[in-house]
Amino acid sequence: MKPDAIILVELLPTLRGGRNGATPASQFGCVFEINGEYFDCRLDLSKSGPLLPGSSATVPVAVLYPENVVPRLTEGMQFNLWEGKTIATGRIVSISTT
């Protein structure tokens, strides 16, 4: 997976509306919400491992149709991850240039 950005993601605790369990171990597909728009994404968890509700990690992310999404991203931009509801918040750490 070629990352489009590096993100700091903070999963909401289950009691605050987050997931009931951990993400998959190596890759997690969900919806990336920025400024009220929603895009499919994949988090690369191959180095961090599964993320538990209430945890945070800095991980690479790839989006479907990066040509439509990456130009909208800026470092420090806030986002949400959505899985039928908001399950995580975060910010863009860096954007891939290749």
Protein backbone atom coordinates (compact mmCIF):
# COMPACT_ATOMS: atom_id res chain seq x y z
CA MET A 1 0.00 0.00 0.00
CA LYS A 2 1.42 3.37 -1.04
CA PRO A 3 0.55 5.89 1.70
CA ASP A 4 -0.94 9.25 0.78
CA ALA A 5 -0.36 10.72 4.24
CA ILE A 6 0.81 9.98 7.76
CA ILE A 7 -1.90 10.55 10.34
CA LEU A 8 -2.19 10.65 14.11
CA VAL A 9 -5.40 8.77 14.86
CA GLU A 10 -7.13 8.59 18.25
CA LEU A 11 -9.82 5.93 18.54
CA LEU A 12 -12.76 6.88 20.73
CA PRO A 13 -13.29 4.68 23.79
CA THR A 14 -16.20 2.27 23.45
CA LEU A 15 -18.15 4.13 26.14
CA ARG A 16 -17.88 7.36 24.10
CA GLY A 17 -19.23 5.75 20.93
CA GLY A 18 -16.08 4.04 19.63
CA ARG A 19 -15.67 0.52 18.32
CA ASN A 20 -16.50 -2.45 20.53
CA GLY A 21 -13.18 -4.11 19.79
CA ALA A 22 -9.80 -3.73 18.18
CA THR A 23 -9.21 -2.99 14.51
CA PRO A 24 -7.80 -5.73 12.27
CA ALA A 25 -4.09 -6.31 12.81
CA SER A 26 -2.48 -5.27 9.54
CA GLN A 27 -4.89 -3.06 7.58
CA PHE A 28 -8.10 -1.26 8.48
CA GLY A 29 -10.58 0.04 5.92
CA CYS A 30 -13.04 2.72 6.93
CA VAL A 31 -14.34 6.13 5.88
CA PHE A 32 -12.16 9.23 6.15
CA GLU A 33 -14.18 12.41 6.81
CA ILE A 34 -12.70 15.84 6.15
CA ASN A 35 -14.69 19.04 6.12
CA GLY A 36 -18.00 17.18 5.83
CA GLU A 37 -16.90 15.04 2.86
CA TYR A 38 -16.41 11.28 3.08
CA PHE A 39 -13.77 9.15 1.35
CA ASP A 40 -12.78 5.47 1.52
CA CYS A 41 -9.40 4.89 3.14
CA ARG A 42 -7.09 2.16 4.38
CA LEU A 43 -4.89 2.51 7.45
CA ASP A 44 -1.63 0.55 7.32
CA LEU A 45 -1.33 -1.09 10.73
CA SER A 46 1.48 -3.46 9.78
CA LYS A 47 3.90 -1.70 12.17
CA SER A 48 1.51 -0.55 14.91
CA GLY A 49 -0.66 -3.67 15.06
CA PRO A 50 -4.35 -3.56 15.91
CA LEU A 51 -5.68 -0.40 17.52
CA LEU A 52 -7.87 -0.70 20.60
CA PRO A 53 -10.71 1.66 21.47
CA GLY A 54 -9.23 4.59 23.41
CA SER A 55 -5.75 4.17 21.91
CA SER A 56 -3.81 6.37 19.51
CA ALA A 57 -1.11 5.78 16.92
CA THR A 58 0.68 7.48 14.07
CA VAL A 59 0.09 5.42 10.93
CA PRO A 60 0.18 5.68 7.12
CA VAL A 61 -3.13 6.08 5.30
CA ALA A 62 -4.08 5.57 1.67
CA VAL A 63 -7.28 6.89 0.13
CA LEU A 64 -9.28 5.64 -2.80
CA TYR A 65 -8.90 8.11 -5.69
CA PRO A 66 -6.02 10.06 -4.13
CA GLU A 67 -6.04 12.52 -7.04
CA ASN A 68 -9.39 13.80 -5.70
CA VAL A 69 -8.49 13.77 -2.01
CA VAL A 70 -4.79 14.49 -1.48
CA PRO A 71 -4.92 18.03 -2.96
CA ARG A 72 -7.48 18.89 -0.25
CA LEU A 73 -5.23 17.75 2.61
CA THR A 74 -2.98 20.01 4.64
CA GLU A 75 -0.64 19.23 7.50
CA GLY A 76 -2.41 19.73 10.81
CA MET A 77 -5.88 19.26 9.26
CA GLN A 78 -8.37 17.58 11.57
CA PHE A 79 -10.39 14.56 10.41
CA ASN A 80 -12.72 11.85 11.66
CA LEU A 81 -12.82 8.16 10.89
CA TRP A 82 -16.31 6.83 10.36
CA GLU A 83 -17.73 3.33 10.53
CA GLY A 84 -21.49 3.96 10.58
CA LYS A 85 -20.63 6.57 13.23
CA THR A 86 -17.54 8.54 14.23
CA ILE A 87 -15.08 6.06 15.75
CA ALA A 88 -11.91 8.16 15.78
CA THR A 89 -10.54 11.65 15.44
CA GLY A 90 -7.13 12.77 14.34
CA ARG A 91 -4.91 15.11 12.39
CA ILE A 92 -2.70 14.94 9.31
CA VAL A 93 0.97 14.75 10.33
CA SER A 94 2.45 14.83 6.83
CA ILE A 95 1.42 14.38 3.23
CA SER A 96 3.27 12.07 0.83
CA THR A 97 4.85 13.85 -2.09
CA THR A 98 5.42 10.90 -4.41
